[in-house]
Amino acid sequence: MKRRADFLWQDYQEALKHNGATNLCSIISGQYFKDLMTLLHELRNTIHGADFPTVGYHAFPEPQASYITVLPDYRQKLWQAATQYSSPDHWGLVQQHTELRLEPYTYAITLIDECF
């Protein structure tokens, strides 16, 4: 039998609760944690296989910034999770017309800061 130790898996959360890890279970079942896991997992599973379109932006006197265009399947989930967690700007997400753009450095640094 394959074991699944995944904080997002309901049976694992129940096992934690029944074994006395109620504080941990409380954290991982909260919306804050779920939003962070969305921000971590949604791009993680596609980053190597996807061809993300990029765009450069320069607003003098600021340095040039590069953004990737988030693929349609991930736009709504990432935007919603970032909005609920803190703010899209905090994560380097920018909505432009029908596109969602992500500044990779800001997103990565924020993800590391928030996860650790």
N, C-alpha and C. Protein backbone atom coordinates (compact mmCIF):
# COMPACT_ATOMS: atom_id res chain seq x y z
N MET A 1 0.84 -1.19 0.00
CA MET A 1 0.00 0.00 0.00
C MET A 1 0.88 1.25 0.00
N LYS A 2 0.62 2.14 -0.90
CA LYS A 2 1.38 3.38 -0.99
C LYS A 2 0.88 4.36 0.07
N ARG A 3 1.80 4.97 0.79
CA ARG A 3 1.45 5.95 1.81
C ARG A 3 1.52 7.34 1.23
N ARG A 4 0.57 8.17 1.61
CA ARG A 4 0.56 9.57 1.17
C ARG A 4 0.70 10.44 2.40
N ALA A 5 1.80 11.15 2.48
CA ALA A 5 2.01 12.12 3.55
C ALA A 5 2.00 13.49 2.89
N ASP A 6 0.82 14.02 2.74
CA ASP A 6 0.62 15.28 2.04
C ASP A 6 -0.29 16.14 2.88
N PHE A 7 0.16 17.32 3.26
CA PHE A 7 -0.63 18.19 4.11
C PHE A 7 -1.99 18.55 3.51
N LEU A 8 -2.11 18.49 2.19
CA LEU A 8 -3.37 18.85 1.55
C LEU A 8 -4.33 17.66 1.43
N TRP A 9 -3.88 16.49 1.76
CA TRP A 9 -4.69 15.28 1.68
C TRP A 9 -5.52 15.15 2.95
N GLN A 10 -6.82 15.08 2.80
CA GLN A 10 -7.74 15.07 3.95
C GLN A 10 -7.48 13.91 4.90
N ASP A 11 -7.22 12.71 4.38
CA ASP A 11 -6.96 11.56 5.25
C ASP A 11 -5.70 11.77 6.09
N TYR A 12 -4.70 12.41 5.52
CA TYR A 12 -3.48 12.70 6.28
C TYR A 12 -3.76 13.70 7.40
N GLN A 13 -4.56 14.71 7.10
CA GLN A 13 -4.95 15.68 8.13
C GLN A 13 -5.69 15.00 9.26
N GLU A 14 -6.59 14.08 8.93
CA GLU A 14 -7.33 13.34 9.96
C GLU A 14 -6.39 12.48 10.80
N ALA A 15 -5.43 11.83 10.16
CA ALA A 15 -4.46 11.02 10.89
C ALA A 15 -3.64 11.88 11.85
N LEU A 16 -3.25 13.06 11.40
CA LEU A 16 -2.51 13.97 12.28
C LEU A 16 -3.37 14.35 13.50
N LYS A 17 -4.61 14.69 13.23
CA LYS A 17 -5.52 15.09 14.30
C LYS A 17 -5.70 13.97 15.32
N HIS A 18 -5.90 12.75 14.84
CA HIS A 18 -6.12 11.61 15.73
C HIS A 18 -4.87 11.19 16.49
N ASN A 19 -3.71 11.67 16.04
CA ASN A 19 -2.46 11.34 16.72
C ASN A 19 -1.91 12.51 17.52
N GLY A 20 -2.76 13.48 17.81
CA GLY A 20 -2.39 14.55 18.73
C GLY A 20 -1.78 15.79 18.12
N ALA A 21 -1.67 15.86 16.81
CA ALA A 21 -1.07 17.04 16.17
C ALA A 21 -2.15 18.07 15.82
N THR A 22 -2.94 18.41 16.81
CA THR A 22 -4.09 19.30 16.56
C THR A 22 -3.65 20.71 16.17
N ASN A 23 -2.57 21.22 16.75
CA ASN A 23 -2.10 22.56 16.38
C ASN A 23 -1.63 22.59 14.93
N LEU A 24 -0.87 21.58 14.52
CA LEU A 24 -0.42 21.49 13.14
C LEU A 24 -1.61 21.33 12.20
N CYS A 25 -2.54 20.50 12.59
CA CYS A 25 -3.73 20.28 11.77
C CYS A 25 -4.54 21.57 11.62
N SER A 26 -4.58 22.35 12.65
CA SER A 26 -5.29 23.63 12.60
C SER A 26 -4.63 24.58 11.60
N ILE A 27 -3.32 24.59 11.58
CA ILE A 27 -2.58 25.46 10.65
C ILE A 27 -2.80 25.01 9.21
N ILE A 28 -2.63 23.73 8.93
CA ILE A 28 -2.68 23.25 7.55
C ILE A 28 -4.10 23.19 6.98
N SER A 29 -5.08 23.28 7.84
CA SER A 29 -6.46 23.27 7.33
C SER A 29 -7.00 24.69 7.14
N GLY A 30 -6.21 25.70 7.52
CA GLY A 30 -6.64 27.09 7.38
C GLY A 30 -6.47 27.64 5.97
N GLN A 31 -7.23 28.67 5.66
CA GLN A 31 -7.20 29.29 4.33
C GLN A 31 -5.83 29.88 4.00
N TYR A 32 -5.15 30.45 4.99
CA TYR A 32 -3.84 31.06 4.80
C TYR A 32 -2.85 30.03 4.24
N PHE A 33 -2.83 28.84 4.85
CA PHE A 33 -1.94 27.77 4.40
C PHE A 33 -2.35 27.27 3.01
N LYS A 34 -3.65 27.11 2.79
CA LYS A 34 -4.13 26.64 1.49
C LYS A 34 -3.74 27.60 0.37
N ASP A 35 -3.83 28.91 0.64
CA ASP A 35 -3.43 29.89 -0.37
C ASP A 35 -1.94 29.81 -0.66
N LEU A 36 -1.13 29.66 0.38
CA LEU A 36 0.31 29.53 0.18
C LEU A 36 0.64 28.28 -0.63
N MET A 37 -0.03 27.19 -0.36
CA MET A 37 0.22 25.96 -1.11
C MET A 37 -0.23 26.10 -2.58
N THR A 38 -1.27 26.85 -2.84
CA THR A 38 -1.68 27.13 -4.22
C THR A 38 -0.57 27.90 -4.93
N LEU A 39 -0.04 28.93 -4.26
CA LEU A 39 1.01 29.74 -4.85
C LEU A 39 2.29 28.93 -5.09
N LEU A 40 2.52 27.92 -4.28
CA LEU A 40 3.67 27.05 -4.45
C LEU A 40 3.43 26.00 -5.54
N HIS A 41 2.31 25.31 -5.49
CA HIS A 41 2.07 24.16 -6.35
C HIS A 41 1.66 24.48 -7.78
N GLU A 42 0.89 25.52 -7.99
CA GLU A 42 0.33 25.76 -9.33
C GLU A 42 1.40 25.91 -10.40
N LEU A 43 2.44 26.66 -10.13
CA LEU A 43 3.49 26.83 -11.13
C LEU A 43 4.55 25.74 -11.05
N ARG A 44 4.74 25.17 -9.88
CA ARG A 44 5.77 24.15 -9.69
C ARG A 44 5.59 22.99 -10.65
N ASN A 45 4.37 22.56 -10.85
CA ASN A 45 4.12 21.38 -11.66
C ASN A 45 4.25 21.62 -13.16
N THR A 46 4.36 22.87 -13.59
CA THR A 46 4.43 23.16 -15.03
C THR A 46 5.70 23.89 -15.43
N ILE A 47 6.49 24.34 -14.50
CA ILE A 47 7.59 25.25 -14.78
C ILE A 47 8.60 24.66 -15.78
N HIS A 48 8.83 23.35 -15.74
CA HIS A 48 9.84 22.76 -16.62
C HIS A 48 9.30 22.43 -18.01
N GLY A 49 8.02 22.14 -18.11
CA GLY A 49 7.47 21.74 -19.39
C GLY A 49 6.78 22.86 -20.14
N ALA A 50 6.51 23.95 -19.49
CA ALA A 50 5.74 25.01 -20.13
C ALA A 50 6.64 26.02 -20.82
N ASP A 51 6.12 26.59 -21.86
CA ASP A 51 6.82 27.66 -22.57
C ASP A 51 6.10 28.96 -22.22
N PHE A 52 6.55 29.60 -21.17
CA PHE A 52 5.91 30.83 -20.70
C PHE A 52 6.35 32.01 -21.55
N PRO A 53 5.40 32.70 -22.16
CA PRO A 53 5.76 33.92 -22.91
C PRO A 53 6.30 34.97 -21.95
N THR A 54 7.31 35.72 -22.38
CA THR A 54 7.90 36.75 -21.53
C THR A 54 7.74 38.12 -22.19
N VAL A 55 7.78 39.14 -21.35
CA VAL A 55 7.68 40.51 -21.83
C VAL A 55 8.59 41.37 -20.95
N GLY A 56 9.27 42.33 -21.57
CA GLY A 56 10.10 43.27 -20.83
C GLY A 56 9.34 44.57 -20.63
N TYR A 57 9.64 45.25 -19.53
CA TYR A 57 8.96 46.51 -19.23
C TYR A 57 9.98 47.46 -18.62
N HIS A 58 9.99 48.72 -19.10
CA HIS A 58 10.92 49.69 -18.57
C HIS A 58 10.21 51.01 -18.33
N ALA A 59 10.18 51.43 -17.08
CA ALA A 59 9.60 52.73 -16.71
C ALA A 59 10.73 53.55 -16.07
N PHE A 60 11.33 54.41 -16.86
CA PHE A 60 12.46 55.21 -16.40
C PHE A 60 12.06 56.00 -15.16
N PRO A 61 12.83 56.10 -14.12
CA PRO A 61 14.22 55.71 -13.94
C PRO A 61 14.39 54.32 -13.32
N GLU A 62 13.32 53.56 -13.20
CA GLU A 62 13.41 52.21 -12.65
C GLU A 62 14.16 51.30 -13.61
N PRO A 63 14.80 50.24 -13.08
CA PRO A 63 15.46 49.29 -13.98
C PRO A 63 14.42 48.49 -14.77
N GLN A 64 14.86 47.92 -15.87
CA GLN A 64 13.96 47.11 -16.68
C GLN A 64 13.52 45.88 -15.89
N ALA A 65 12.29 45.49 -16.07
CA ALA A 65 11.76 44.30 -15.42
C ALA A 65 11.27 43.33 -16.49
N SER A 66 11.38 42.06 -16.21
CA SER A 66 10.88 41.03 -17.11
C SER A 66 9.73 40.31 -16.43
N TYR A 67 8.70 40.03 -17.19
CA TYR A 67 7.52 39.34 -16.68
C TYR A 67 7.23 38.14 -17.55
N ILE A 68 6.71 37.09 -16.94
CA ILE A 68 6.20 35.98 -17.73
C ILE A 68 4.68 36.07 -17.73
N THR A 69 4.09 35.63 -18.81
CA THR A 69 2.64 35.60 -18.91
C THR A 69 2.17 34.27 -18.35
N VAL A 70 1.32 34.33 -17.33
CA VAL A 70 0.80 33.12 -16.70
C VAL A 70 -0.20 32.48 -17.66
N LEU A 71 -0.05 31.19 -17.84
CA LEU A 71 -0.94 30.46 -18.75
C LEU A 71 -2.38 30.49 -18.22
N PRO A 72 -3.35 30.47 -19.12
CA PRO A 72 -4.76 30.62 -18.73
C PRO A 72 -5.24 29.67 -17.64
N ASP A 73 -4.76 28.45 -17.62
CA ASP A 73 -5.22 27.48 -16.63
C ASP A 73 -4.86 27.87 -15.19
N TYR A 74 -3.91 28.76 -15.01
CA TYR A 74 -3.42 29.08 -13.68
C TYR A 74 -3.77 30.49 -13.21
N ARG A 75 -4.24 31.32 -14.11
CA ARG A 75 -4.48 32.74 -13.80
C ARG A 75 -5.40 32.95 -12.61
N GLN A 76 -6.58 32.39 -12.66
CA GLN A 76 -7.58 32.63 -11.62
C GLN A 76 -7.12 32.12 -10.26
N LYS A 77 -6.58 30.90 -10.22
CA LYS A 77 -6.15 30.32 -8.95
C LYS A 77 -5.03 31.15 -8.31
N LEU A 78 -4.03 31.55 -9.12
CA LEU A 78 -2.91 32.32 -8.57
C LEU A 78 -3.37 33.70 -8.10
N TRP A 79 -4.19 34.37 -8.90
CA TRP A 79 -4.66 35.70 -8.53
C TRP A 79 -5.49 35.64 -7.24
N GLN A 80 -6.39 34.68 -7.16
CA GLN A 80 -7.23 34.55 -5.98
C GLN A 80 -6.41 34.22 -4.73
N ALA A 81 -5.48 33.28 -4.85
CA ALA A 81 -4.65 32.90 -3.71
C ALA A 81 -3.79 34.07 -3.25
N ALA A 82 -3.18 34.80 -4.18
CA ALA A 82 -2.34 35.96 -3.82
C ALA A 82 -3.18 37.05 -3.17
N THR A 83 -4.38 37.27 -3.67
CA THR A 83 -5.27 38.29 -3.10
C THR A 83 -5.67 37.94 -1.68
N GLN A 84 -6.02 36.69 -1.46
CA GLN A 84 -6.44 36.25 -0.13
C GLN A 84 -5.26 36.18 0.84
N TYR A 85 -4.09 35.80 0.36
CA TYR A 85 -2.91 35.62 1.22
C TYR A 85 -2.35 36.97 1.67
N SER A 86 -2.16 37.87 0.74
CA SER A 86 -1.63 39.21 1.06
C SER A 86 -2.10 40.18 -0.01
N SER A 87 -1.38 40.21 -1.13
CA SER A 87 -1.80 41.02 -2.28
C SER A 87 -1.07 40.52 -3.52
N PRO A 88 -1.68 40.66 -4.68
CA PRO A 88 -0.99 40.26 -5.91
C PRO A 88 0.33 41.01 -6.11
N ASP A 89 0.36 42.29 -5.76
CA ASP A 89 1.57 43.09 -5.91
C ASP A 89 2.71 42.53 -5.05
N HIS A 90 2.39 42.07 -3.86
CA HIS A 90 3.38 41.47 -2.95
C HIS A 90 4.07 40.27 -3.62
N TRP A 91 3.34 39.57 -4.47
CA TRP A 91 3.85 38.38 -5.16
C TRP A 91 4.42 38.69 -6.53
N GLY A 92 4.38 39.93 -6.97
CA GLY A 92 4.88 40.28 -8.29
C GLY A 92 3.91 39.96 -9.40
N LEU A 93 2.62 39.88 -9.07
CA LEU A 93 1.59 39.61 -10.06
C LEU A 93 0.95 40.91 -10.52
N VAL A 94 0.76 41.03 -11.83
CA VAL A 94 0.17 42.22 -12.41
C VAL A 94 -0.90 41.79 -13.41
N GLN A 95 -2.10 42.34 -13.26
CA GLN A 95 -3.19 42.07 -14.20
C GLN A 95 -3.14 43.14 -15.28
N GLN A 96 -3.04 42.73 -16.53
CA GLN A 96 -3.03 43.65 -17.67
C GLN A 96 -4.04 43.16 -18.69
N HIS A 97 -5.15 43.86 -18.78
CA HIS A 97 -6.25 43.48 -19.66
C HIS A 97 -6.70 42.06 -19.31
N THR A 98 -6.56 41.13 -20.21
CA THR A 98 -6.96 39.75 -19.94
C THR A 98 -5.78 38.87 -19.53
N GLU A 99 -4.60 39.46 -19.46
CA GLU A 99 -3.39 38.71 -19.13
C GLU A 99 -3.02 38.86 -17.65
N LEU A 100 -2.42 37.82 -17.10
CA LEU A 100 -1.83 37.89 -15.77
C LEU A 100 -0.34 37.70 -15.97
N ARG A 101 0.43 38.66 -15.47
CA ARG A 101 1.89 38.60 -15.61
C ARG A 101 2.51 38.43 -14.23
N LEU A 102 3.65 37.75 -14.23
CA LEU A 102 4.35 37.42 -13.00
C LEU A 102 5.81 37.83 -13.14
N GLU A 103 6.32 38.58 -12.18
CA GLU A 103 7.73 38.96 -12.18
C GLU A 103 8.46 37.84 -11.41
N PRO A 104 9.25 37.01 -12.09
CA PRO A 104 9.79 35.79 -11.49
C PRO A 104 10.64 36.00 -10.24
N TYR A 105 11.48 37.02 -10.21
CA TYR A 105 12.34 37.22 -9.05
C TYR A 105 11.51 37.53 -7.81
N THR A 106 10.57 38.46 -7.93
CA THR A 106 9.71 38.82 -6.80
C THR A 106 8.91 37.62 -6.32
N TYR A 107 8.36 36.86 -7.26
CA TYR A 107 7.56 35.69 -6.90
C TYR A 107 8.41 34.67 -6.15
N ALA A 108 9.60 34.38 -6.67
CA ALA A 108 10.48 33.38 -6.05
C ALA A 108 10.94 33.81 -4.66
N ILE A 109 11.36 35.06 -4.53
CA ILE A 109 11.82 35.56 -3.23
C ILE A 109 10.69 35.54 -2.21
N THR A 110 9.51 35.96 -2.63
CA THR A 110 8.35 35.97 -1.73
C THR A 110 7.99 34.55 -1.33
N LEU A 111 8.02 33.62 -2.25
CA LEU A 111 7.71 32.24 -1.96
C LEU A 111 8.69 31.66 -0.93
N ILE A 112 9.96 31.95 -1.11
CA ILE A 112 10.98 31.46 -0.16
C ILE A 112 10.74 32.11 1.21
N ASP A 113 10.53 33.41 1.25
CA ASP A 113 10.30 34.10 2.51
C ASP A 113 9.08 33.55 3.24
N GLU A 114 8.01 33.33 2.51
CA GLU A 114 6.77 32.88 3.13
C GLU A 114 6.82 31.42 3.56
N CYS A 115 7.52 30.59 2.80
CA CYS A 115 7.57 29.16 3.12
C CYS A 115 8.55 28.84 4.25
N PHE A 116 9.58 29.67 4.39
CA PHE A 116 10.57 29.37 5.41
C PHE A 116 10.54 30.40 6.49
